[in-house]
Protein backbone atom coordinates (compact mmCIF):
# COMPACT_ATOMS: atom_id res chain seq x y z
CA MET A 1 5.51 116.32 52.62
CA PRO A 2 6.85 118.35 55.59
CA PHE A 3 8.53 121.66 54.88
CA PRO A 4 11.03 123.30 57.23
CA ASP A 5 9.07 126.55 57.48
CA THR A 6 5.47 126.57 56.31
CA LYS A 7 5.25 130.35 56.83
CA ASN A 8 7.95 131.04 54.27
CA PRO A 9 6.15 132.23 51.10
CA LEU A 10 8.82 130.69 48.89
CA TYR A 11 8.02 127.12 49.88
CA GLY A 12 5.49 125.20 47.86
CA THR A 13 2.91 122.66 48.95
CA GLY A 14 4.90 119.57 48.03
CA GLU A 15 2.17 118.48 45.63
CA ILE A 16 2.76 117.20 42.09
CA THR A 17 0.19 118.26 39.48
CA GLU A 18 -0.06 117.61 35.76
CA VAL A 19 0.35 120.70 33.59
CA ALA A 20 0.25 118.88 30.25
CA PRO A 21 1.05 115.33 29.08
CA GLY A 22 4.52 114.54 30.41
CA VAL A 23 4.80 117.89 32.19
CA ARG A 24 4.26 118.27 35.92
CA SER A 25 4.69 121.05 38.42
CA ILE A 26 6.23 120.20 41.79
CA GLY A 27 5.55 122.27 44.87
CA LEU A 28 9.10 122.50 46.19
CA GLN A 29 10.27 126.11 46.27
CA GLY A 30 7.46 127.80 44.41
CA ASN A 31 6.62 125.81 41.28
CA SER A 32 9.41 123.45 40.32
CA LEU A 33 8.93 121.59 37.04
CA ALA A 34 9.44 118.05 35.73
CA VAL A 35 9.42 117.31 32.00
CA GLU A 36 9.61 113.83 30.51
CA THR A 37 12.07 113.22 27.66
CA ASN A 38 13.40 110.08 25.97
CA ALA A 39 16.65 110.53 27.90
CA GLY A 40 15.03 110.99 31.32
CA LEU A 41 13.44 113.78 33.30
CA VAL A 42 14.34 117.44 33.17
CA VAL A 43 13.72 118.92 36.62
CA VAL A 44 13.76 122.67 37.11
CA ASP A 45 14.69 123.60 40.71
CA THR A 46 15.26 121.04 43.42
CA GLY A 47 13.80 122.87 46.40
CA PRO A 48 14.97 124.17 49.78
CA SER A 49 16.30 120.97 51.33
CA PRO A 50 17.73 117.55 50.33
CA ASP A 51 15.36 116.01 52.89
CA LEU A 52 12.36 116.83 50.69
CA VAL A 53 13.66 115.13 47.56
CA ALA A 54 13.10 111.38 47.99
CA PRO A 55 9.27 111.53 48.38
CA VAL A 56 9.06 113.62 45.20
CA LEU A 57 11.27 111.30 43.17
CA ASP A 58 9.38 108.27 44.46
CA GLN A 59 6.24 109.76 42.93
CA LEU A 60 7.90 110.75 39.66
CA ARG A 61 9.27 107.20 39.23
CA GLU A 62 11.67 108.13 36.45
CA PRO A 63 15.39 108.85 36.48
CA VAL A 64 16.38 112.51 36.39
CA ARG A 65 18.76 113.27 33.53
CA TRP A 66 19.09 117.04 33.96
CA ILE A 67 18.63 119.50 36.81
CA VAL A 68 18.08 123.05 35.59
CA TYR A 69 18.40 126.12 37.82
CA SER A 70 15.61 128.62 37.24
CA HIS A 71 17.95 131.31 38.57
CA GLY A 72 20.68 131.77 41.14
CA HIS A 73 18.84 133.00 44.21
CA LEU A 74 19.66 131.04 47.32
CA GLY A 75 17.43 128.21 48.48
CA TYR A 76 15.86 127.20 45.19
CA ASN A 77 18.40 124.45 44.64
CA TYR A 78 19.57 123.40 48.07
CA GLY A 79 17.97 120.04 47.28
CA VAL A 80 20.57 119.06 44.64
CA PRO A 81 22.55 116.73 46.95
CA GLY A 82 19.31 114.85 47.62
CA PHE A 83 18.94 114.21 43.88
CA PHE A 84 22.52 112.96 43.70
CA ASP A 85 22.06 110.66 46.69
CA TYR A 86 18.82 109.29 45.27
CA ALA A 87 20.51 108.48 41.95
CA VAL A 88 23.30 106.61 43.73
CA ALA A 89 20.85 104.69 45.90
CA HIS A 90 18.86 103.59 42.85
CA GLY A 91 21.81 102.79 40.59
CA GLU A 92 21.02 105.69 38.27
CA ARG A 93 23.26 108.11 36.44
CA ARG A 94 24.05 111.29 38.36
CA PRO A 95 21.96 114.15 36.93
CA THR A 96 23.77 116.91 35.04
CA VAL A 97 23.23 120.35 36.53
CA VAL A 98 22.61 123.09 33.95
CA ALA A 99 22.28 126.83 34.52
CA HIS A 100 22.83 130.15 32.82
CA GLU A 101 26.48 131.20 32.93
CA ASN A 102 25.74 134.16 35.23
CA VAL A 103 24.74 131.77 38.03
CA VAL A 104 28.43 130.98 38.55
CA ARG A 105 29.31 134.61 39.21
CA ARG A 106 26.26 135.02 41.47
CA TYR A 107 27.21 132.00 43.56
CA GLN A 108 30.75 133.29 43.89
CA ARG A 109 29.40 136.62 45.14
CA TYR A 110 27.06 134.89 47.60
CA LEU A 111 29.97 132.91 49.04
CA GLU A 112 31.99 136.12 49.38
CA THR A 113 29.10 137.92 51.11
CA ALA A 114 27.73 134.97 53.06
CA GLY A 115 27.35 136.89 56.32
CA LEU A 116 25.48 139.72 54.61
CA GLN A 117 23.16 137.33 52.77
CA ASN A 118 22.39 135.47 55.99
CA HIS A 119 21.61 138.68 57.87
CA ILE A 120 19.29 139.86 55.09
CA ASN A 121 17.50 136.52 54.87
CA THR A 122 16.91 136.31 58.61
CA ARG A 123 15.09 139.64 58.41
CA GLN A 124 13.30 139.26 55.09
CA PHE A 125 12.03 135.75 55.81
CA ARG A 126 11.96 135.91 59.63
CA ARG A 127 14.07 132.79 59.71
CA PRO A 128 16.73 132.78 62.48
CA MET A 129 20.04 131.09 61.70
CA ALA A 130 22.32 129.49 64.26
CA ASP A 131 25.46 130.61 62.42
CA LEU A 132 25.16 133.87 60.50
CA THR A 133 28.64 133.40 59.05
CA ALA A 134 27.94 129.97 57.50
CA PRO A 135 28.41 129.80 53.71
CA PRO A 136 25.32 128.84 51.71
CA PRO A 137 25.19 125.17 50.60
CA VAL A 138 25.30 125.92 46.88
CA THR A 139 26.09 123.39 44.16
CA PHE A 140 27.77 124.92 41.12
CA PRO A 141 26.42 123.87 37.71
CA ASP A 142 28.18 121.26 35.60
CA GLN A 143 27.21 122.97 32.36
CA THR A 144 26.25 126.54 31.47
CA TYR A 145 24.85 128.35 28.45
CA ARG A 146 24.62 131.97 27.32
CA GLU A 147 21.54 132.67 25.15
CA ALA A 148 19.68 129.40 24.62
CA MET A 149 20.20 125.67 24.90
CA THR A 150 18.32 122.60 23.71
CA LEU A 151 18.31 119.71 26.19
CA ALA A 152 15.96 117.44 24.25
CA PRO A 153 13.99 117.82 21.01
CA ASP A 154 11.13 119.58 22.78
CA VAL A 155 12.92 121.20 25.73
CA ARG A 156 14.45 124.59 25.07
CA LEU A 157 16.20 126.69 27.72
CA LEU A 158 15.98 130.43 27.16
CA TRP A 159 17.89 133.19 28.93
CA ALA A 160 15.20 135.40 30.50
CA PRO A 161 16.89 138.20 32.50
CA SER A 162 14.36 139.68 34.89
CA GLU A 163 14.48 139.31 38.67
CA THR A 164 18.12 138.32 38.20
CA ASP A 165 20.52 138.34 35.25
CA ASP A 166 20.73 134.53 35.28
CA VAL A 167 17.08 133.47 34.85
CA THR A 168 16.28 130.47 32.67
CA ALA A 169 12.81 130.05 31.18
CA VAL A 170 11.83 126.66 29.71
CA TRP A 171 9.91 126.47 26.42
CA LEU A 172 8.18 123.30 25.24
CA PRO A 173 7.24 124.27 21.67
CA SER A 174 5.20 121.24 20.62
CA GLN A 175 2.79 121.73 23.55
CA ARG A 176 3.22 125.51 23.73
CA VAL A 177 3.97 125.24 27.44
CA LEU A 178 6.18 127.97 28.91
CA TYR A 179 7.79 127.80 32.33
CA GLY A 180 8.26 131.49 33.06
CA SER A 181 10.71 130.95 35.91
CA ALA A 182 11.58 134.04 37.99
CA ALA A 183 10.36 136.29 35.18
CA VAL A 184 6.73 135.38 35.98
CA ILE A 185 5.53 135.23 39.58
CA ASN A 186 1.76 135.85 39.21
CA GLY A 187 2.05 139.10 41.13
CA ILE A 188 3.72 142.44 40.73
CA PRO A 189 7.34 141.87 39.67
CA ASN A 190 9.78 141.67 42.54
CA ILE A 191 11.76 144.80 41.75
CA GLY A 192 13.25 147.05 44.39
CA THR A 193 13.11 144.76 47.42
CA PRO A 194 14.38 146.99 50.24
CA MET A 195 17.67 145.23 51.06
CA ARG A 196 18.52 143.77 47.65
CA THR A 197 20.56 144.90 44.69
CA MET A 198 18.91 146.83 41.86
CA ARG A 199 16.83 145.08 39.21
CA ASP A 200 16.40 146.47 35.72
CA THR A 201 12.73 147.30 35.15
CA VAL A 202 12.98 147.75 31.37
CA ARG A 203 15.05 144.58 30.95
CA TRP A 204 12.33 142.66 32.77
CA ALA A 205 9.67 144.18 30.48
CA ASP A 206 11.74 143.27 27.41
CA THR A 207 11.97 139.67 28.61
CA LEU A 208 8.21 139.44 29.16
CA ASP A 209 7.57 140.73 25.64
CA ARG A 210 9.99 138.16 24.21
CA LEU A 211 8.27 135.38 26.11
CA ALA A 212 4.87 136.61 24.94
CA ALA A 213 6.11 136.45 21.33
CA LEU A 214 6.42 132.66 21.75
CA ASN A 215 2.60 132.63 21.98
CA PRO A 216 2.33 130.12 24.85
CA ALA A 217 -0.98 128.38 25.46
CA VAL A 218 -0.02 127.45 29.04
CA LEU A 219 2.17 129.52 31.34
CA VAL A 220 3.68 128.09 34.52
CA PRO A 221 4.79 130.92 36.81
CA GLU A 222 7.42 130.48 39.45
CA PHE A 223 4.75 131.26 42.06
CA GLY A 224 1.00 130.95 41.83
CA PRO A 225 -1.42 128.82 39.82
CA VAL A 226 -0.81 127.75 36.24
CA ILE A 227 -2.11 130.35 33.78
CA ARG A 228 -4.24 128.91 30.99
CA GLU A 229 -6.50 131.86 30.20
CA ASP A 230 -4.79 134.27 27.81
CA PRO A 231 -1.24 133.98 29.19
CA VAL A 232 0.07 136.22 26.41
CA ARG A 233 -2.06 139.09 27.66
CA GLN A 234 -0.76 138.68 31.20
CA LEU A 235 2.82 138.80 29.96
CA THR A 236 2.30 141.85 27.75
CA MET A 237 0.22 143.76 30.30
CA THR A 238 2.82 143.22 33.01
CA ALA A 239 5.47 144.47 30.61
CA ALA A 240 3.31 147.51 29.84
CA ALA A 241 2.93 148.27 33.56
CA LEU A 242 6.69 148.16 34.05
CA ARG A 243 7.24 150.46 31.07
CA TRP A 244 4.61 152.85 32.43
CA LEU A 245 6.43 152.95 35.77
CA ARG A 246 9.74 153.66 34.12
CA GLY A 247 8.29 156.49 32.02
CA ALA A 248 6.34 158.05 34.87
CA VAL A 249 9.24 158.01 37.31
CA VAL A 250 11.73 159.39 34.79
CA ASP A 251 9.28 162.17 33.93
CA GLN A 252 9.15 163.13 37.60
CA LEU A 253 12.93 162.97 37.92
CA ASN A 254 13.26 165.25 34.91
CA ARG A 255 11.08 167.75 36.78
CA GLY A 256 13.49 167.74 39.72
CA ARG A 257 11.24 165.75 42.04
CA ARG A 258 12.62 163.76 44.97
CA VAL A 259 11.92 160.10 45.53
CA ASP A 260 9.52 160.39 48.47
CA ASP A 261 7.43 162.95 46.63
CA ILE A 262 7.32 160.71 43.56
CA VAL A 263 6.26 157.70 45.66
CA HIS A 264 3.33 159.60 47.12
CA ASP A 265 2.23 161.56 44.07
CA LEU A 266 2.12 158.92 41.31
CA ARG A 267 -1.35 157.95 40.13
CA TYR A 268 -1.36 154.41 38.76
CA PRO A 269 -3.58 153.41 35.82
CA ALA A 270 -6.17 150.97 37.13
CA GLU A 271 -6.15 148.89 33.95
CA LEU A 272 -2.47 148.10 34.50
CA PHE A 273 -2.20 147.86 38.27
CA ASP A 274 -5.60 147.01 39.74
CA VAL A 275 -5.62 143.52 38.25
CA PRO A 276 -5.05 140.10 39.88
CA SER A 277 -1.72 139.52 38.12
CA MET A 278 -0.27 142.66 39.76
CA ARG A 279 -1.19 141.79 43.34
CA GLU A 280 1.28 143.17 45.88
CA HIS A 281 1.54 140.07 48.04
CA TYR A 282 5.37 140.01 47.84
CA GLY A 283 6.64 142.92 45.77
CA HIS A 284 5.15 146.43 45.80
CA ARG A 285 4.75 149.27 43.32
CA GLU A 286 6.57 151.64 45.68
CA TYR A 287 9.57 149.30 45.72
CA ILE A 288 9.74 149.55 41.93
CA VAL A 289 9.53 153.34 41.99
CA ARG A 290 12.42 153.50 44.42
CA ASP A 291 14.52 151.09 42.38
CA ILE A 292 14.01 153.13 39.21
CA VAL A 293 15.05 156.27 41.08
CA ARG A 294 18.05 154.44 42.53
CA SER A 295 19.10 153.35 39.04
CA GLU A 296 19.25 156.98 37.86
CA THR A 297 20.46 158.88 40.92
CA GLY A 298 23.00 158.50 43.70
CA TRP A 299 22.50 157.58 47.33
CA TRP A 300 21.88 161.09 48.64
CA ASP A 301 18.33 162.21 49.49
CA GLY A 302 19.07 165.88 48.76
CA ASN A 303 18.97 167.02 52.41
CA PRO A 304 22.27 168.78 53.29
CA THR A 305 22.10 167.33 56.80
CA THR A 306 22.55 163.81 55.44
CA LEU A 307 25.44 164.57 53.08
CA HIS A 308 28.10 163.93 55.75
CA PRO A 309 26.02 162.75 58.73
CA SER A 310 27.08 162.03 62.27
CA ARG A 311 27.09 158.48 63.51
CA PRO A 312 23.45 157.32 63.84
CA ASP A 313 23.64 156.90 67.61
CA VAL A 314 25.25 160.33 68.04
CA ALA A 315 22.65 162.02 65.84
CA ALA A 316 19.83 160.27 67.69
CA ALA A 317 21.29 161.24 71.08
CA VAL A 318 21.57 164.94 70.29
CA ARG A 319 18.05 165.01 68.91
CA ALA A 320 16.73 163.44 72.08
CA GLU A 321 18.76 165.82 74.22
CA ALA A 322 17.26 168.77 72.38
CA ILE A 323 13.75 167.69 73.36
CA THR A 324 13.02 169.13 76.78
CA ASP A 325 9.55 167.61 76.99
CA LYS A 326 9.98 164.00 75.98
CA GLN A 327 6.56 163.08 77.30
CA ALA A 328 5.07 165.45 74.72
CA VAL A 329 6.66 163.34 71.98
CA LEU A 330 5.12 160.17 73.41
CA ASP A 331 1.76 161.87 73.76
CA GLN A 332 1.81 163.15 70.18
CA ALA A 333 2.71 159.70 68.85
CA GLU A 334 -0.21 158.25 70.80
CA ARG A 335 -2.62 160.86 69.42
CA LEU A 336 -1.49 160.08 65.87
CA ARG A 337 -1.91 156.37 66.43
CA ALA A 338 -5.40 156.93 67.82
CA ASP A 339 -6.24 158.92 64.67
CA GLY A 340 -5.08 156.03 62.48
CA ARG A 341 -1.96 157.91 61.36
CA VAL A 342 0.42 155.12 62.30
CA GLN A 343 3.17 156.04 59.83
CA ASP A 344 3.14 159.65 61.06
CA ALA A 345 3.38 158.34 64.62
CA LEU A 346 6.50 156.39 63.64
CA HIS A 347 8.15 159.55 62.36
CA VAL A 348 7.41 161.28 65.66
CA ILE A 349 8.47 158.44 67.93
CA ASP A 350 11.82 158.17 66.16
CA LEU A 351 12.75 161.50 67.76
CA LEU A 352 13.28 159.42 70.90
CA ALA A 353 13.25 155.74 69.98
CA LEU A 354 16.57 155.77 68.13
CA ALA A 355 18.48 157.40 70.97
CA PRO A 356 20.91 155.27 73.01
CA GLY A 357 20.88 154.93 76.77
CA ASP A 358 18.48 153.93 79.53
CA ASP A 359 16.37 157.02 79.94
CA PRO A 360 12.92 155.65 80.95
CA LEU A 361 11.08 157.79 78.39
CA VAL A 362 13.47 156.71 75.62
CA LYS A 363 12.89 153.06 76.58
CA GLN A 364 9.16 153.73 76.52
CA ALA A 365 9.54 155.23 73.05
CA ARG A 366 11.25 152.06 71.85
CA ALA A 367 8.35 149.99 73.14
CA VAL A 368 5.89 152.31 71.40
CA LYS A 369 7.81 151.98 68.15
CA GLU A 370 7.67 148.21 68.39
CA GLU A 371 3.89 148.43 68.79
CA LEU A 372 3.57 150.81 65.86
CA CYS A 373 5.65 148.51 63.66
CA ALA A 374 3.34 145.64 64.53
CA VAL A 375 0.36 147.72 63.42
CA ARG A 376 2.09 148.64 60.15
CA ALA A 377 2.93 144.97 59.59
CA ALA A 378 -0.74 144.05 59.90
CA GLU A 379 -1.62 146.77 57.38
CA ALA A 380 1.03 145.86 54.79
CA SER A 381 0.09 143.85 51.70
CA SER A 382 3.64 142.77 50.89
CA TYR A 383 5.15 139.84 52.78
CA VAL A 384 8.54 141.56 52.54
CA SER A 385 7.24 144.73 54.19
CA ARG A 386 5.57 142.70 56.93
CA SER A 387 8.82 140.87 57.58
CA PHE A 388 10.88 144.02 57.95
CA TYR A 389 8.33 145.63 60.26
CA ARG A 390 8.42 142.53 62.46
CA SER A 391 12.12 141.73 62.36
CA GLY A 392 13.33 144.56 64.58
CA TRP A 393 15.28 147.71 63.84
């Protein structure tokens, strides 16, 4: 099955695999899910494009009764019109779209901030858009719920606030199969993404503990392989890591520490963080630290210079003008890069690279910064960090 962008980490493989009798995962956007019921299929998440739907439904060979949104982030359910068209073409009943009630408010906000969302997504996913003002092609749910909802005798929807406040987990009690949705991504939780709104670390931990209390035998994460070996432990250990982060960061804040010092000085327990389920392939522990700080403090970094700053281009220009030996800045950045101190070199090169104008040495500094960002991108474990290093500045 062709996908529009095979480099996008959100897109699945297109494969359908059996999780348990009557339960299959679908590689649309991450792990979508299909559950058989007497009334028809329950499908969780329809994928990034209507064009991908028909080959999947041809393989499933059963009518879809319900479409459930795992959460309200854009792209996960752009395929809904394809499901509707398929039902019409095959003389089937149009599926009912079900989501948590907070999805409605999220979609309304995304329509209001369409330009902003498009700009962020072009950088975070390195996916250019022809029209950055275009509204997202969202389909609002037909039916919503607040705490829990039963779709069929063995299909229970559970509110699972975590990455967003509108996450729906799916619990199949007779088989003890849990679809963790956006609460479980088989990696470090996606908290504190650089250009996104805040996410509540403790709320996410609470949700993981509630899901663990169900005692699932099989856990289907939104991303990554199905978890069959001690899924309860993975849920509880991830929750414990998030609680440790919250406690450690708050302790540092109570001591009057600033965010950058906290980021560099924390020492993470290996038993919580150096484990496969906390891999930093998308999120990052430093993102979480910054989000916790952001949840407890304001926007100011504590430096009086930045309290009422000049325009960025003006500030950059006067800094560059103050440097009488611009070549010395370039030389120092090069020495730092040669020593493997690429991040330090970025701090130095910004003395010139951010300045406006056509000064040849300033233009050279911009080129050096682009090279340094490429090096940092190659070093970064997180896809998000790599994207922002490569997407310009």
